[in-house]
Amino acid sequence: MTRERAYFAALLPLPCSRCGRTVTSEMVWHVDHLVERVVGGGNGRSNLGVAHARCNMSAGQALGQRRRQARARVVAGIKPW
């Protein structure tokens, strides 16, 4: 992802893909998947954007929590909605 980071760094400032506020080069930021890889998103630039580090980490935690809850329902024999 080093090439992608350099690509997006040259384009900054850009809106955060999570909250919409501006991301500048002075901030701590991540290259973010618009559609997460675990649900089928790819690594192409069309599926990438920039996000504040805090926004991206929060989104990852929320995704992990949803996956853990879904797995627990399967183990408990509860059918999905």
PDB file of N, CA and C in Angstrom:
ATOM      1  N   MET A   1       0.815  -1.203   0.000  1.00  0.00           N
ATOM      2  CA  MET A   1       0.000   0.000   0.000  1.00  0.00           C
ATOM      3  C   MET A   1       0.856   1.263   0.000  1.00  0.00           C
ATOM      4  N   THR A   2       2.146   1.117  -0.065  1.00  0.00           N
ATOM      5  CA  THR A   2       3.027   2.282  -0.051  1.00  0.00           C
ATOM      6  C   THR A   2       2.768   3.173  -1.258  1.00  0.00           C
ATOM      7  N   ARG A   3       2.579   2.560  -2.439  1.00  0.00           N
ATOM      8  CA  ARG A   3       2.311   3.361  -3.636  1.00  0.00           C
ATOM      9  C   ARG A   3       0.985   4.083  -3.519  1.00  0.00           C
ATOM     10  N   GLU A   4      -0.023   3.420  -2.961  1.00  0.00           N
ATOM     11  CA  GLU A   4      -1.325   4.053  -2.809  1.00  0.00           C
ATOM     12  C   GLU A   4      -1.251   5.215  -1.828  1.00  0.00           C
ATOM     13  N   ARG A   5      -0.493   5.040  -0.755  1.00  0.00           N
ATOM     14  CA  ARG A   5      -0.356   6.133   0.207  1.00  0.00           C
ATOM     15  C   ARG A   5       0.293   7.349  -0.439  1.00  0.00           C
ATOM     16  N   ALA A   6       1.344   7.126  -1.224  1.00  0.00           N
ATOM     17  CA  ALA A   6       2.005   8.231  -1.921  1.00  0.00           C
ATOM     18  C   ALA A   6       1.049   8.891  -2.912  1.00  0.00           C
ATOM     19  N   TYR A   7       0.245   8.082  -3.596  1.00  0.00           N
ATOM     20  CA  TYR A   7      -0.738   8.607  -4.549  1.00  0.00           C
ATOM     21  C   TYR A   7      -1.725   9.536  -3.845  1.00  0.00           C
ATOM     22  N   PHE A   8      -2.301   9.068  -2.737  1.00  0.00           N
ATOM     23  CA  PHE A   8      -3.287   9.878  -2.026  1.00  0.00           C
ATOM     24  C   PHE A   8      -2.640  11.069  -1.324  1.00  0.00           C
ATOM     25  N   ALA A   9      -1.404  10.926  -0.857  1.00  0.00           N
ATOM     26  CA  ALA A   9      -0.711  12.044  -0.207  1.00  0.00           C
ATOM     27  C   ALA A   9      -0.563  13.213  -1.168  1.00  0.00           C
ATOM     28  N   ALA A  10      -0.336  12.911  -2.445  1.00  0.00           N
ATOM     29  CA  ALA A  10      -0.199  13.970  -3.444  1.00  0.00           C
ATOM     30  C   ALA A  10      -1.522  14.685  -3.711  1.00  0.00           C
ATOM     31  N   LEU A  11      -2.631  14.037  -3.402  1.00  0.00           N
ATOM     32  CA  LEU A  11      -3.956  14.617  -3.658  1.00  0.00           C
ATOM     33  C   LEU A  11      -4.528  15.384  -2.472  1.00  0.00           C
ATOM     34  N   LEU A  12      -3.928  15.230  -1.297  1.00  0.00           N
ATOM     35  CA  LEU A  12      -4.470  15.881  -0.094  1.00  0.00           C
ATOM     36  C   LEU A  12      -4.492  17.390  -0.270  1.00  0.00           C
ATOM     37  N   PRO A  13      -5.465  18.086   0.294  1.00  0.00           N
ATOM     38  CA  PRO A  13      -6.521  17.648   1.208  1.00  0.00           C
ATOM     39  C   PRO A  13      -7.674  16.974   0.465  1.00  0.00           C
ATOM     40  N   LEU A  14      -8.239  15.968   1.128  1.00  0.00           N
ATOM     41  CA  LEU A  14      -9.384  15.210   0.624  1.00  0.00           C
ATOM     42  C   LEU A  14     -10.370  14.992   1.771  1.00  0.00           C
ATOM     43  N   PRO A  15     -11.626  14.703   1.457  1.00  0.00           N
ATOM     44  CA  PRO A  15     -12.580  14.392   2.532  1.00  0.00           C
ATOM     45  C   PRO A  15     -12.334  12.993   3.094  1.00  0.00           C
ATOM     46  N   CYS A  16     -12.542  12.842   4.379  1.00  0.00           N
ATOM     47  CA  CYS A  16     -12.428  11.545   5.042  1.00  0.00           C
ATOM     48  C   CYS A  16     -13.533  10.629   4.514  1.00  0.00           C
ATOM     49  N   SER A  17     -13.179   9.400   4.196  1.00  0.00           N
ATOM     50  CA  SER A  17     -14.164   8.461   3.666  1.00  0.00           C
ATOM     51  C   SER A  17     -15.154   7.999   4.730  1.00  0.00           C
ATOM     52  N   ARG A  18     -14.879   8.269   5.989  1.00  0.00           N
ATOM     53  CA  ARG A  18     -15.762   7.844   7.084  1.00  0.00           C
ATOM     54  C   ARG A  18     -16.644   8.972   7.608  1.00  0.00           C
ATOM     55  N   CYS A  19     -16.049  10.152   7.866  1.00  0.00           N
ATOM     56  CA  CYS A  19     -16.824  11.235   8.483  1.00  0.00           C
ATOM     57  C   CYS A  19     -17.078  12.412   7.548  1.00  0.00           C
ATOM     58  N   GLY A  20     -16.322  12.501   6.454  1.00  0.00           N
ATOM     59  CA  GLY A  20     -16.526  13.577   5.490  1.00  0.00           C
ATOM     60  C   GLY A  20     -15.744  14.857   5.763  1.00  0.00           C
ATOM     61  N   ARG A  21     -15.144  14.967   6.945  1.00  0.00           N
ATOM     62  CA  ARG A  21     -14.342  16.154   7.230  1.00  0.00           C
ATOM     63  C   ARG A  21     -13.014  16.073   6.489  1.00  0.00           C
ATOM     64  N   THR A  22     -12.367  17.200   6.324  1.00  0.00           N
ATOM     65  CA  THR A  22     -11.136  17.277   5.540  1.00  0.00           C
ATOM     66  C   THR A  22      -9.970  16.567   6.220  1.00  0.00           C
ATOM     67  N   VAL A  23      -9.197  15.821   5.425  1.00  0.00           N
ATOM     68  CA  VAL A  23      -7.954  15.191   5.863  1.00  0.00           C
ATOM     69  C   VAL A  23      -6.822  15.953   5.191  1.00  0.00           C
ATOM     70  N   THR A  24      -5.880  16.447   5.987  1.00  0.00           N
ATOM     71  CA  THR A  24      -4.733  17.169   5.442  1.00  0.00           C
ATOM     72  C   THR A  24      -3.457  16.383   5.696  1.00  0.00           C
ATOM     73  N   SER A  25      -2.393  16.775   5.033  1.00  0.00           N
ATOM     74  CA  SER A  25      -1.125  16.051   5.164  1.00  0.00           C
ATOM     75  C   SER A  25      -0.516  16.192   6.558  1.00  0.00           C
ATOM     76  N   GLU A  26      -0.908  17.201   7.318  1.00  0.00           N
ATOM     77  CA  GLU A  26      -0.377  17.374   8.673  1.00  0.00           C
ATOM     78  C   GLU A  26      -1.024  16.424   9.676  1.00  0.00           C
ATOM     79  N   MET A  27      -2.136  15.831   9.316  1.00  0.00           N
ATOM     80  CA  MET A  27      -2.876  14.938  10.213  1.00  0.00           C
ATOM     81  C   MET A  27      -2.350  13.512  10.113  1.00  0.00           C
ATOM     82  N   VAL A  28      -2.707  12.703  11.112  1.00  0.00           N
ATOM     83  CA  VAL A  28      -2.445  11.266  11.045  1.00  0.00           C
ATOM     84  C   VAL A  28      -3.613  10.663  10.274  1.00  0.00           C
ATOM     85  N   TRP A  29      -3.311  10.008   9.158  1.00  0.00           N
ATOM     86  CA  TRP A  29      -4.370   9.471   8.310  1.00  0.00           C
ATOM     87  C   TRP A  29      -3.985   8.113   7.764  1.00  0.00           C
ATOM     88  N   HIS A  30      -5.010   7.369   7.328  1.00  0.00           N
ATOM     89  CA  HIS A  30      -4.832   6.033   6.772  1.00  0.00           C
ATOM     90  C   HIS A  30      -5.420   5.981   5.370  1.00  0.00           C
ATOM     91  N   VAL A  31      -4.912   5.051   4.565  1.00  0.00           N
ATOM     92  CA  VAL A  31      -5.591   4.682   3.327  1.00  0.00           C
ATOM     93  C   VAL A  31      -6.659   3.682   3.744  1.00  0.00           C
ATOM     94  N   ASP A  32      -7.897   3.968   3.376  1.00  0.00           N
ATOM     95  CA  ASP A  32      -9.043   3.208   3.864  1.00  0.00           C
ATOM     96  C   ASP A  32      -9.741   2.485   2.719  1.00  0.00           C
ATOM     97  N   HIS A  33     -10.206   1.271   2.975  1.00  0.00           N
ATOM     98  CA  HIS A  33     -11.028   0.544   2.008  1.00  0.00           C
ATOM     99  C   HIS A  33     -12.461   1.058   2.119  1.00  0.00           C
ATOM    100  N   LEU A  34     -13.044   1.451   1.009  1.00  0.00           N
ATOM    101  CA  LEU A  34     -14.431   1.925   1.021  1.00  0.00           C
ATOM    102  C   LEU A  34     -15.377   0.754   1.270  1.00  0.00           C
ATOM    103  N   VAL A  35     -15.115  -0.371   0.616  1.00  0.00           N
ATOM    104  CA  VAL A  35     -15.815  -1.628   0.903  1.00  0.00           C
ATOM    105  C   VAL A  35     -14.765  -2.537   1.515  1.00  0.00           C
ATOM    106  N   GLU A  36     -14.960  -2.924   2.762  1.00  0.00           N
ATOM    107  CA  GLU A  36     -13.958  -3.691   3.484  1.00  0.00           C
ATOM    108  C   GLU A  36     -13.606  -4.979   2.753  1.00  0.00           C
ATOM    109  N   ARG A  37     -12.354  -5.370   2.850  1.00  0.00           N
ATOM    110  CA  ARG A  37     -11.885  -6.578   2.175  1.00  0.00           C
ATOM    111  C   ARG A  37     -12.618  -7.820   2.668  1.00  0.00           C
ATOM    112  N   VAL A  38     -12.982  -7.855   3.940  1.00  0.00           N
ATOM    113  CA  VAL A  38     -13.647  -9.043   4.488  1.00  0.00           C
ATOM    114  C   VAL A  38     -15.044  -9.241   3.920  1.00  0.00           C
ATOM    115  N   VAL A  39     -15.615  -8.208   3.306  1.00  0.00           N
ATOM    116  CA  VAL A  39     -16.933  -8.342   2.685  1.00  0.00           C
ATOM    117  C   VAL A  39     -16.847  -8.236   1.163  1.00  0.00           C
ATOM    118  N   GLY A  40     -15.644  -8.430   0.625  1.00  0.00           N
ATOM    119  CA  GLY A  40     -15.508  -8.519  -0.821  1.00  0.00           C
ATOM    120  C   GLY A  40     -14.879  -7.340  -1.523  1.00  0.00           C
ATOM    121  N   GLY A  41     -14.468  -6.315  -0.798  1.00  0.00           N
ATOM    122  CA  GLY A  41     -13.827  -5.169  -1.431  1.00  0.00           C
ATOM    123  C   GLY A  41     -12.408  -5.484  -1.850  1.00  0.00           C
ATOM    124  N   GLY A  42     -11.953  -4.846  -2.898  1.00  0.00           N
ATOM    125  CA  GLY A  42     -10.612  -5.099  -3.411  1.00  0.00           C
ATOM    126  C   GLY A  42      -9.612  -4.051  -2.976  1.00  0.00           C
ATOM    127  N   ASN A  43      -8.397  -4.163  -3.512  1.00  0.00           N
ATOM    128  CA  ASN A  43      -7.326  -3.222  -3.191  1.00  0.00           C
ATOM    129  C   ASN A  43      -7.095  -2.191  -4.286  1.00  0.00           C
ATOM    130  N   GLY A  44      -7.957  -2.143  -5.290  1.00  0.00           N
ATOM    131  CA  GLY A  44      -7.807  -1.168  -6.370  1.00  0.00           C
ATOM    132  C   GLY A  44      -8.086   0.243  -5.880  1.00  0.00           C
ATOM    133  N   ARG A  45      -7.515   1.210  -6.572  1.00  0.00           N
ATOM    134  CA  ARG A  45      -7.699   2.608  -6.156  1.00  0.00           C
ATOM    135  C   ARG A  45      -9.149   3.044  -6.159  1.00  0.00           C
ATOM    136  N   SER A  46      -9.973   2.411  -6.975  1.00  0.00           N
ATOM    137  CA  SER A  46     -11.391   2.775  -6.992  1.00  0.00           C
ATOM    138  C   SER A  46     -12.094   2.382  -5.696  1.00  0.00           C
ATOM    139  N   ASN A  47     -11.484   1.504  -4.897  1.00  0.00           N
ATOM    140  CA  ASN A  47     -12.064   1.082  -3.621  1.00  0.00           C
ATOM    141  C   ASN A  47     -11.288   1.656  -2.441  1.00  0.00           C
ATOM    142  N   LEU A  48     -10.436   2.624  -2.688  1.00  0.00           N
ATOM    143  CA  LEU A  48      -9.624   3.201  -1.619  1.00  0.00           C
ATOM    144  C   LEU A  48      -9.921   4.683  -1.459  1.00  0.00           C
ATOM    145  N   GLY A  49      -9.721   5.169  -0.271  1.00  0.00           N
ATOM    146  CA  GLY A  49      -9.854   6.586   0.034  1.00  0.00           C
ATOM    147  C   GLY A  49      -8.996   6.894   1.241  1.00  0.00           C
ATOM    148  N   VAL A  50      -9.081   8.116   1.721  1.00  0.00           N
ATOM    149  CA  VAL A  50      -8.327   8.490   2.918  1.00  0.00           C
ATOM    150  C   VAL A  50      -9.299   8.636   4.080  1.00  0.00           C
ATOM    151  N   ALA A  51      -8.798   8.362   5.271  1.00  0.00           N
ATOM    152  CA  ALA A  51      -9.609   8.505   6.480  1.00  0.00           C
ATOM    153  C   ALA A  51      -8.719   8.952   7.622  1.00  0.00           C
ATOM    154  N   HIS A  52      -9.289   9.737   8.517  1.00  0.00           N
ATOM    155  CA  HIS A  52      -8.570  10.059   9.747  1.00  0.00           C
ATOM    156  C   HIS A  52      -8.241   8.732  10.435  1.00  0.00           C
ATOM    157  N   ALA A  53      -7.109   8.644  11.069  1.00  0.00           N
ATOM    158  CA  ALA A  53      -6.721   7.407  11.747  1.00  0.00           C
ATOM    159  C   ALA A  53      -7.787   6.992  12.759  1.00  0.00           C
ATOM    160  N   ARG A  54      -8.303   7.950  13.490  1.00  0.00           N
ATOM    161  CA  ARG A  54      -9.320   7.642  14.509  1.00  0.00           C
ATOM    162  C   ARG A  54     -10.602   7.100  13.872  1.00  0.00           C
ATOM    163  N   CYS A  55     -11.028   7.701  12.773  1.00  0.00           N
ATOM    164  CA  CYS A  55     -12.238   7.232  12.074  1.00  0.00           C
ATOM    165  C   CYS A  55     -12.049   5.806  11.567  1.00  0.00           C
ATOM    166  N   ASN A  56     -10.899   5.543  10.970  1.00  0.00           N
ATOM    167  CA  ASN A  56     -10.638   4.227  10.401  1.00  0.00           C
ATOM    168  C   ASN A  56     -10.551   3.155  11.490  1.00  0.00           C
ATOM    169  N   MET A  57      -9.901   3.476  12.587  1.00  0.00           N
ATOM    170  CA  MET A  57      -9.779   2.506  13.680  1.00  0.00           C
ATOM    171  C   MET A  57     -11.150   2.220  14.302  1.00  0.00           C
ATOM    172  N   SER A  58     -11.976   3.245  14.453  1.00  0.00           N
ATOM    173  CA  SER A  58     -13.319   3.047  15.009  1.00  0.00           C
ATOM    174  C   SER A  58     -14.154   2.170  14.101  1.00  0.00           C
ATOM    175  N   ALA A  59     -14.051   2.384  12.792  1.00  0.00           N
ATOM    176  CA  ALA A  59     -14.810   1.585  11.839  1.00  0.00           C
ATOM    177  C   ALA A  59     -14.355   0.132  11.888  1.00  0.00           C
ATOM    178  N   GLY A  60     -13.064  -0.094  12.013  1.00  0.00           N
ATOM    179  CA  GLY A  60     -12.546  -1.459  12.094  1.00  0.00           C
ATOM    180  C   GLY A  60     -13.010  -2.174  13.349  1.00  0.00           C
ATOM    181  N   GLN A  61     -13.054  -1.451  14.458  1.00  0.00           N
ATOM    182  CA  GLN A  61     -13.541  -2.053  15.701  1.00  0.00           C
ATOM    183  C   GLN A  61     -15.012  -2.421  15.589  1.00  0.00           C
ATOM    184  N   ALA A  62     -15.798  -1.557  14.970  1.00  0.00           N
ATOM    185  CA  ALA A  62     -17.224  -1.829  14.806  1.00  0.00           C
ATOM    186  C   ALA A  62     -17.444  -3.040  13.910  1.00  0.00           C
ATOM    187  N   LEU A  63     -16.660  -3.148  12.834  1.00  0.00           N
ATOM    188  CA  LEU A  63     -16.771  -4.294  11.940  1.00  0.00           C
ATOM    189  C   LEU A  63     -16.411  -5.583  12.667  1.00  0.00           C
ATOM    190  N   GLY A  64     -15.341  -5.552  13.451  1.00  0.00           N
ATOM    191  CA  GLY A  64     -14.942  -6.728  14.219  1.00  0.00           C
ATOM    192  C   GLY A  64     -16.010  -7.151  15.209  1.00  0.00           C
ATOM    193  N   GLN A  65     -16.634  -6.175  15.847  1.00  0.00           N
ATOM    194  CA  GLN A  65     -17.689  -6.483  16.808  1.00  0.00           C
ATOM    195  C   GLN A  65     -18.885  -7.124  16.109  1.00  0.00           C
ATOM    196  N   ARG A  66     -19.278  -6.618  14.937  1.00  0.00           N
ATOM    197  CA  ARG A  66     -20.404  -7.209  14.203  1.00  0.00           C
ATOM    198  C   ARG A  66     -20.088  -8.642  13.786  1.00  0.00           C
ATOM    199  N   ARG A  67     -18.830  -8.900  13.362  1.00  0.00           N
ATOM    200  CA  ARG A  67     -18.449 -10.253  12.961  1.00  0.00           C
ATOM    201  C   ARG A  67     -18.470 -11.200  14.158  1.00  0.00           C
ATOM    202  N   ARG A  68     -17.986 -10.746  15.331  1.00  0.00           N
ATOM    203  CA  ARG A  68     -18.001 -11.586  16.531  1.00  0.00           C
ATOM    204  C   ARG A  68     -19.433 -11.916  16.943  1.00  0.00           C
ATOM    205  N   GLN A  69     -20.319 -10.924  16.879  1.00  0.00           N
ATOM    206  CA  GLN A  69     -21.716 -11.158  17.253  1.00  0.00           C
ATOM    207  C   GLN A  69     -22.382 -12.146  16.302  1.00  0.00           C
ATOM    208  N   ALA A  70     -22.107 -12.009  15.000  1.00  0.00           N
ATOM    209  CA  ALA A  70     -22.690 -12.934  14.022  1.00  0.00           C
ATOM    210  C   ALA A  70     -22.189 -14.351  14.262  1.00  0.00           C
ATOM    211  N   ARG A  71     -20.893 -14.490  14.549  1.00  0.00           N
ATOM    212  CA  ARG A  71     -20.314 -15.805  14.816  1.00  0.00           C
ATOM    213  C   ARG A  71     -20.942 -16.411  16.070  1.00  0.00           C
ATOM    214  N   ALA A  72     -21.174 -15.607  17.103  1.00  0.00           N
ATOM    215  CA  ALA A  72     -21.768 -16.101  18.346  1.00  0.00           C
ATOM    216  C   ALA A  72     -23.197 -16.583  18.097  1.00  0.00           C
ATOM    217  N   ARG A  73     -23.939 -15.890  17.229  1.00  0.00           N
ATOM    218  CA  ARG A  73     -25.302 -16.328  16.923  1.00  0.00           C
ATOM    219  C   ARG A  73     -25.287 -17.681  16.207  1.00  0.00           C
ATOM    220  N   VAL A  74     -24.350 -17.874  15.310  1.00  0.00           N
ATOM    221  CA  VAL A  74     -24.249 -19.141  14.591  1.00  0.00           C
ATOM    222  C   VAL A  74     -23.924 -20.268  15.552  1.00  0.00           C
ATOM    223  N   VAL A  75     -22.969 -20.027  16.444  1.00  0.00           N
ATOM    224  CA  VAL A  75     -22.573 -21.047  17.427  1.00  0.00           C
ATOM    225  C   VAL A  75     -23.739 -21.379  18.346  1.00  0.00           C
ATOM    226  N   ALA A  76     -24.532 -20.378  18.690  1.00  0.00           N
ATOM    227  CA  ALA A  76     -25.680 -20.598  19.582  1.00  0.00           C
ATOM    228  C   ALA A  76     -26.879 -21.193  18.850  1.00  0.00           C
ATOM    229  N   GLY A  77     -26.796 -21.301  17.529  1.00  0.00           N
ATOM    230  CA  GLY A  77     -27.894 -21.881  16.759  1.00  0.00           C
ATOM    231  C   GLY A  77     -29.001 -20.900  16.437  1.00  0.00           C
ATOM    232  N   ILE A  78     -28.736 -19.621  16.589  1.00  0.00           N
ATOM    233  CA  ILE A  78     -29.725 -18.575  16.277  1.00  0.00           C
ATOM    234  C   ILE A  78     -29.621 -18.261  14.795  1.00  0.00           C
ATOM    235  N   LYS A  79     -30.751 -18.290  14.086  1.00  0.00           N
ATOM    236  CA  LYS A  79     -30.740 -18.013  12.657  1.00  0.00           C
ATOM    237  C   LYS A  79     -30.601 -16.517  12.391  1.00  0.00           C
ATOM    238  N   PRO A  80     -29.868 -16.148  11.305  1.00  0.00           N
ATOM    239  CA  PRO A  80     -29.757 -14.720  10.960  1.00  0.00           C
ATOM    240  C   PRO A  80     -31.099 -14.140  10.565  1.00  0.00           C
ATOM    241  N   TRP A  81     -31.215 -12.813  10.581  1.00  0.00           N
ATOM    242  CA  TRP A  81     -32.479 -12.084  10.328  1.00  0.00           C
ATOM    243  C   TRP A  81     -32.865 -12.252   8.960  1.00  0.00           C
TER     244      TRP A  81
END
